[in-house]
Amino acid sequence: MKNLSSYLTEHYGKGYSFDNLKLMRKFYKIYKTDAIGETVFSQFNTILSLLLDVNFI
């Protein structure tokens, strides 16, 4: 991973230190199966639509 760190830093700039790559890998391993949720605004619109739907009440 140290070689990868050097390669990424050389080609893409800062942010790819060995420690950062370890943290990125850890983050991926923990959250790889989670889906990114909707934004709050779209969730609000969904809830509002349900509340305004006559069939829902």
PDB file of N, CA and C in Angstrom:
ATOM      1  N   MET A   1       0.826  -1.185   0.000  1.00  0.00           N
ATOM      2  CA  MET A   1       0.000   0.000   0.000  1.00  0.00           C
ATOM      3  C   MET A   1       0.880   1.262   0.000  1.00  0.00           C
ATOM      4  N   LYS A   2       2.090   1.142   0.462  1.00  0.00           N
ATOM      5  CA  LYS A   2       2.992   2.300   0.426  1.00  0.00           C
ATOM      6  C   LYS A   2       3.318   2.669  -1.023  1.00  0.00           C
ATOM      7  N   ASN A   3       3.486   1.659  -1.873  1.00  0.00           N
ATOM      8  CA  ASN A   3       3.739   1.936  -3.293  1.00  0.00           C
ATOM      9  C   ASN A   3       2.530   2.605  -3.935  1.00  0.00           C
ATOM     10  N   LEU A   4       1.342   2.153  -3.590  1.00  0.00           N
ATOM     11  CA  LEU A   4       0.124   2.754  -4.104  1.00  0.00           C
ATOM     12  C   LEU A   4       0.017   4.209  -3.648  1.00  0.00           C
ATOM     13  N   SER A   5       0.348   4.454  -2.411  1.00  0.00           N
ATOM     14  CA  SER A   5       0.328   5.814  -1.870  1.00  0.00           C
ATOM     15  C   SER A   5       1.251   6.725  -2.676  1.00  0.00           C
ATOM     16  N   SER A   6       2.440   6.265  -2.930  1.00  0.00           N
ATOM     17  CA  SER A   6       3.405   7.055  -3.712  1.00  0.00           C
ATOM     18  C   SER A   6       2.891   7.309  -5.122  1.00  0.00           C
ATOM     19  N   TYR A   7       2.347   6.270  -5.749  1.00  0.00           N
ATOM     20  CA  TYR A   7       1.833   6.391  -7.114  1.00  0.00           C
ATOM     21  C   TYR A   7       0.683   7.404  -7.181  1.00  0.00           C
ATOM     22  N   LEU A   8      -0.295   7.260  -6.290  1.00  0.00           N
ATOM     23  CA  LEU A   8      -1.458   8.150  -6.304  1.00  0.00           C
ATOM     24  C   LEU A   8      -1.066   9.592  -6.001  1.00  0.00           C
ATOM     25  N   THR A   9      -0.162   9.779  -5.062  1.00  0.00           N
ATOM     26  CA  THR A   9       0.298  11.126  -4.717  1.00  0.00           C
ATOM     27  C   THR A   9       1.016  11.762  -5.903  1.00  0.00           C
ATOM     28  N   GLU A  10       1.824  10.980  -6.598  1.00  0.00           N
ATOM     29  CA  GLU A  10       2.560  11.494  -7.753  1.00  0.00           C
ATOM     30  C   GLU A  10       1.601  11.887  -8.888  1.00  0.00           C
ATOM     31  N   HIS A  11       0.572  11.101  -9.113  1.00  0.00           N
ATOM     32  CA  HIS A  11      -0.331  11.338 -10.236  1.00  0.00           C
ATOM     33  C   HIS A  11      -1.523  12.242  -9.913  1.00  0.00           C
ATOM     34  N   TYR A  12      -1.969  12.263  -8.653  1.00  0.00           N
ATOM     35  CA  TYR A  12      -3.187  13.000  -8.312  1.00  0.00           C
ATOM     36  C   TYR A  12      -3.005  14.058  -7.222  1.00  0.00           C
ATOM     37  N   GLY A  13      -1.829  14.162  -6.653  1.00  0.00           N
ATOM     38  CA  GLY A  13      -1.574  15.186  -5.643  1.00  0.00           C
ATOM     39  C   GLY A  13      -1.808  14.696  -4.228  1.00  0.00           C
ATOM     40  N   LYS A  14      -1.977  15.642  -3.336  1.00  0.00           N
ATOM     41  CA  LYS A  14      -2.094  15.342  -1.902  1.00  0.00           C
ATOM     42  C   LYS A  14      -3.368  14.564  -1.580  1.00  0.00           C
ATOM     43  N   GLY A  15      -3.344  13.924  -0.402  1.00  0.00           N
ATOM     44  CA  GLY A  15      -4.534  13.238   0.094  1.00  0.00           C
ATOM     45  C   GLY A  15      -4.449  11.729   0.052  1.00  0.00           C
ATOM     46  N   TYR A  16      -3.355  11.193  -0.472  1.00  0.00           N
ATOM     47  CA  TYR A  16      -3.228   9.747  -0.617  1.00  0.00           C
ATOM     48  C   TYR A  16      -2.083   9.178   0.211  1.00  0.00           C
ATOM     49  N   SER A  17      -1.918   9.697   1.407  1.00  0.00           N
ATOM     50  CA  SER A  17      -0.877   9.174   2.294  1.00  0.00           C
ATOM     51  C   SER A  17      -1.225   7.741   2.684  1.00  0.00           C
ATOM     52  N   PHE A  18      -0.254   7.032   3.187  1.00  0.00           N
ATOM     53  CA  PHE A  18      -0.461   5.649   3.628  1.00  0.00           C
ATOM     54  C   PHE A  18      -1.575   5.590   4.672  1.00  0.00           C
ATOM     55  N   ASP A  19      -1.556   6.521   5.626  1.00  0.00           N
ATOM     56  CA  ASP A  19      -2.598   6.549   6.663  1.00  0.00           C
ATOM     57  C   ASP A  19      -3.976   6.824   6.069  1.00  0.00           C
ATOM     58  N   ASN A  20      -4.054   7.759   5.112  1.00  0.00           N
ATOM     59  CA  ASN A  20      -5.342   8.047   4.478  1.00  0.00           C
ATOM     60  C   ASN A  20      -5.867   6.843   3.708  1.00  0.00           C
ATOM     61  N   LEU A  21      -4.996   6.135   3.016  1.00  0.00           N
ATOM     62  CA  LEU A  21      -5.421   4.942   2.283  1.00  0.00           C
ATOM     63  C   LEU A  21      -5.940   3.871   3.241  1.00  0.00           C
ATOM     64  N   LYS A  22      -5.307   3.734   4.390  1.00  0.00           N
ATOM     65  CA  LYS A  22      -5.796   2.773   5.385  1.00  0.00           C
ATOM     66  C   LYS A  22      -7.199   3.165   5.850  1.00  0.00           C
ATOM     67  N   LEU A  23      -7.409   4.465   6.089  1.00  0.00           N
ATOM     68  CA  LEU A  23      -8.731   4.937   6.517  1.00  0.00           C
ATOM     69  C   LEU A  23      -9.777   4.755   5.417  1.00  0.00           C
ATOM     70  N   MET A  24      -9.405   5.019   4.165  1.00  0.00           N
ATOM     71  CA  MET A  24     -10.324   4.823   3.039  1.00  0.00           C
ATOM     72  C   MET A  24     -10.721   3.346   2.926  1.00  0.00           C
ATOM     73  N   ARG A  25      -9.742   2.479   3.090  1.00  0.00           N
ATOM     74  CA  ARG A  25     -10.000   1.032   3.009  1.00  0.00           C
ATOM     75  C   ARG A  25     -10.926   0.593   4.130  1.00  0.00           C
ATOM     76  N   LYS A  26     -10.677   1.098   5.335  1.00  0.00           N
ATOM     77  CA  LYS A  26     -11.512   0.763   6.491  1.00  0.00           C
ATOM     78  C   LYS A  26     -12.944   1.252   6.261  1.00  0.00           C
ATOM     79  N   PHE A  27     -13.091   2.481   5.771  1.00  0.00           N
ATOM     80  CA  PHE A  27     -14.403   3.045   5.474  1.00  0.00           C
ATOM     81  C   PHE A  27     -15.138   2.171   4.463  1.00  0.00           C
ATOM     82  N   TYR A  28     -14.444   1.769   3.405  1.00  0.00           N
ATOM     83  CA  TYR A  28     -15.053   0.933   2.372  1.00  0.00           C
ATOM     84  C   TYR A  28     -15.512  -0.407   2.948  1.00  0.00           C
ATOM     85  N   LYS A  29     -14.665  -1.019   3.746  1.00  0.00           N
ATOM     86  CA  LYS A  29     -15.019  -2.325   4.312  1.00  0.00           C
ATOM     87  C   LYS A  29     -16.251  -2.244   5.214  1.00  0.00           C
ATOM     88  N   ILE A  30     -16.402  -1.145   5.923  1.00  0.00           N
ATOM     89  CA  ILE A  30     -17.539  -0.980   6.833  1.00  0.00           C
ATOM     90  C   ILE A  30     -18.816  -0.667   6.063  1.00  0.00           C
ATOM     91  N   TYR A  31     -18.740   0.208   5.065  1.00  0.00           N
ATOM     92  CA  TYR A  31     -19.933   0.735   4.415  1.00  0.00           C
ATOM     93  C   TYR A  31     -20.164   0.229   2.990  1.00  0.00           C
ATOM     94  N   LYS A  32     -19.451  -0.788   2.529  1.00  0.00           N
ATOM     95  CA  LYS A  32     -19.552  -1.215   1.137  1.00  0.00           C
ATOM     96  C   LYS A  32     -20.941  -1.717   0.753  1.00  0.00           C
ATOM     97  N   THR A  33     -21.722  -2.199   1.687  1.00  0.00           N
ATOM     98  CA  THR A  33     -23.053  -2.713   1.344  1.00  0.00           C
ATOM     99  C   THR A  33     -24.160  -1.690   1.585  1.00  0.00           C
ATOM    100  N   ASP A  34     -23.844  -0.558   2.189  1.00  0.00           N
ATOM    101  CA  ASP A  34     -24.854   0.468   2.446  1.00  0.00           C
ATOM    102  C   ASP A  34     -25.119   1.280   1.184  1.00  0.00           C
ATOM    103  N   ALA A  35     -26.363   1.628   0.979  1.00  0.00           N
ATOM    104  CA  ALA A  35     -26.728   2.504  -0.132  1.00  0.00           C
ATOM    105  C   ALA A  35     -26.785   3.939   0.375  1.00  0.00           C
ATOM    106  N   ILE A  36     -26.467   4.857  -0.490  1.00  0.00           N
ATOM    107  CA  ILE A  36     -26.558   6.261  -0.130  1.00  0.00           C
ATOM    108  C   ILE A  36     -28.035   6.628  -0.144  1.00  0.00           C
ATOM    109  N   GLY A  37     -28.492   7.217   0.944  1.00  0.00           N
ATOM    110  CA  GLY A  37     -29.909   7.549   1.071  1.00  0.00           C
ATOM    111  C   GLY A  37     -30.314   8.759   0.266  1.00  0.00           C
ATOM    112  N   GLU A  38     -31.595   8.976   0.228  1.00  0.00           N
ATOM    113  CA  GLU A  38     -32.127  10.147  -0.456  1.00  0.00           C
ATOM    114  C   GLU A  38     -31.759  11.411   0.322  1.00  0.00           C
ATOM    115  N   THR A  39     -31.824  12.517  -0.370  1.00  0.00           N
ATOM    116  CA  THR A  39     -31.600  13.777   0.333  1.00  0.00           C
ATOM    117  C   THR A  39     -32.810  14.067   1.210  1.00  0.00           C
ATOM    118  N   VAL A  40     -32.635  14.904   2.171  1.00  0.00           N
ATOM    119  CA  VAL A  40     -33.722  15.258   3.080  1.00  0.00           C
ATOM    120  C   VAL A  40     -34.877  15.875   2.299  1.00  0.00           C
ATOM    121  N   PHE A  41     -34.573  16.708   1.317  1.00  0.00           N
ATOM    122  CA  PHE A  41     -35.618  17.375   0.550  1.00  0.00           C
ATOM    123  C   PHE A  41     -36.490  16.364  -0.190  1.00  0.00           C
ATOM    124  N   SER A  42     -35.873  15.378  -0.847  1.00  0.00           N
ATOM    125  CA  SER A  42     -36.670  14.387  -1.569  1.00  0.00           C
ATOM    126  C   SER A  42     -37.454  13.511  -0.599  1.00  0.00           C
ATOM    127  N   GLN A  43     -36.900  13.232   0.576  1.00  0.00           N
ATOM    128  CA  GLN A  43     -37.643  12.488   1.589  1.00  0.00           C
ATOM    129  C   GLN A  43     -38.850  13.300   2.040  1.00  0.00           C
ATOM    130  N   PHE A  44     -38.671  14.598   2.219  1.00  0.00           N
ATOM    131  CA  PHE A  44     -39.761  15.463   2.628  1.00  0.00           C
ATOM    132  C   PHE A  44     -40.869  15.448   1.581  1.00  0.00           C
ATOM    133  N   ASN A  45     -40.481  15.535   0.308  1.00  0.00           N
ATOM    134  CA  ASN A  45     -41.474  15.514  -0.768  1.00  0.00           C
ATOM    135  C   ASN A  45     -42.237  14.195  -0.785  1.00  0.00           C
ATOM    136  N   THR A  46     -41.574  13.095  -0.534  1.00  0.00           N
ATOM    137  CA  THR A  46     -42.232  11.793  -0.492  1.00  0.00           C
ATOM    138  C   THR A  46     -43.230  11.739   0.649  1.00  0.00           C
ATOM    139  N   ILE A  47     -42.839  12.193   1.802  1.00  0.00           N
ATOM    140  CA  ILE A  47     -43.728  12.193   2.973  1.00  0.00           C
ATOM    141  C   ILE A  47     -44.898  13.141   2.735  1.00  0.00           C
ATOM    142  N   LEU A  48     -44.609  14.311   2.187  1.00  0.00           N
ATOM    143  CA  LEU A  48     -45.668  15.278   1.908  1.00  0.00           C
ATOM    144  C   LEU A  48     -46.668  14.693   0.916  1.00  0.00           C
ATOM    145  N   SER A  49     -46.181  14.016  -0.119  1.00  0.00           N
ATOM    146  CA  SER A  49     -47.071  13.393  -1.096  1.00  0.00           C
ATOM    147  C   SER A  49     -47.971  12.361  -0.432  1.00  0.00           C
ATOM    148  N   LEU A  50     -47.415  11.569   0.465  1.00  0.00           N
ATOM    149  CA  LEU A  50     -48.212  10.568   1.173  1.00  0.00           C
ATOM    150  C   LEU A  50     -49.261  11.224   2.061  1.00  0.00           C
ATOM    151  N   LEU A  51     -48.873  12.296   2.722  1.00  0.00           N
ATOM    152  CA  LEU A  51     -49.813  12.974   3.624  1.00  0.00           C
ATOM    153  C   LEU A  51     -50.945  13.650   2.856  1.00  0.00           C
ATOM    154  N   LEU A  52     -50.660  14.108   1.643  1.00  0.00           N
ATOM    155  CA  LEU A  52     -51.672  14.791   0.855  1.00  0.00           C
ATOM    156  C   LEU A  52     -52.546  13.821   0.049  1.00  0.00           C
ATOM    157  N   ASP A  53     -52.099  12.559  -0.059  1.00  0.00           N
ATOM    158  CA  ASP A  53     -52.845  11.557  -0.803  1.00  0.00           C
ATOM    159  C   ASP A  53     -54.094  11.157   0.004  1.00  0.00           C
ATOM    160  N   VAL A  54     -55.262  11.339  -0.601  1.00  0.00           N
ATOM    161  CA  VAL A  54     -56.515  11.043   0.078  1.00  0.00           C
ATOM    162  C   VAL A  54     -56.609   9.573   0.459  1.00  0.00           C
ATOM    163  N   ASN A  55     -56.059   8.690  -0.365  1.00  0.00           N
ATOM    164  CA  ASN A  55     -56.130   7.243  -0.092  1.00  0.00           C
ATOM    165  C   ASN A  55     -55.266   6.846   1.092  1.00  0.00           C
ATOM    166  N   PHE A  56     -54.277   7.661   1.420  1.00  0.00           N
ATOM    167  CA  PHE A  56     -53.376   7.346   2.526  1.00  0.00           C
ATOM    168  C   PHE A  56     -54.061   7.569   3.870  1.00  0.00           C
ATOM    169  N   ILE A  57     -54.911   8.577   3.952  1.00  0.00           N
ATOM    170  CA  ILE A  57     -55.533   8.956   5.219  1.00  0.00           C
ATOM    171  C   ILE A  57     -56.669   8.041   5.588  1.00  0.00           C
TER     172      ILE A  57
END
